[in-house]
Amino acid sequence: MDDETTRSIRESYDRLAEEYTRRIADELQHKPLDRELLDRFAKQTKGRGDVCDMGCGPGHVARYLRDAGASVFGLDLSPGMLEQARKLNPDISFREGNMLSLDMPDGTLAGVTAFYAIVNIPRKSVPLVFSEIRRVLQSSGLLLLAFHIGNEVLHEDELWGQKISMDFLLFQPSEIGLDLEEAGFNIEEVVEREPYPDVEYPSRRAYIFARKT
């Protein structure tokens, strides 16, 4: 992913941060499957070390994990999103960072959640994201990945009244599974669901539990 794409994503989310938070920060209240999967993730990583919520946005997933007993911090590319996350969750640490080049030592994390964190990542760069996540995970560290199912690349120049410039990518679980395996993960479970009506963008969703081999 080139510097111009990275800059555009960062600036777009900075512009969206306040409205995004207003619309998204309480969404887990309406998503029972997401809560169930996050509970499982928290249980499996509890006591093993820190976990990172990558692409944390306003911090709602990190908040849920903290309340479930995880030692969690959030990471996001957008300073504007991090400002919102810190405002809502002053007891959780949030860091600025790029998933394609993580400023973390090897083998330090018990787990990583990445809920829709790859939605703006160019297809050719997704394997690098997975390689970086694997690098920072401990032996047998756990990844819980969520993404939109499909084959489309949707470009948006405006969202919620704000000018942006980003691609939104949908992926097939089979291709993402292959990328994860090639990066050095063992796929433990793939879960798919239909969208929750009137709660979220109307795409099918996939969740993958993958463990570092």
Foldseek 3Di string as FASTA:
>chain_A
DDPVLLVQVQVQCLQCQVVCCVQPLPLVVVPVVVLVVLLVLLVQLAPVAEEEEEQCQLNNSVVSSVVSRHRYAYEHQYPNRVVNNCVVCVPHHYYYDDLLDGPAAFAHHQEYEYELVCQQPPPVSVLSSLLSRLRNHHAFRKYKYKFFADADWDWDQDDPHDGGTTITGHHHPVVVVVSNVVSAKDWDDKDKDADDPPRDDGTIMIITIITHD
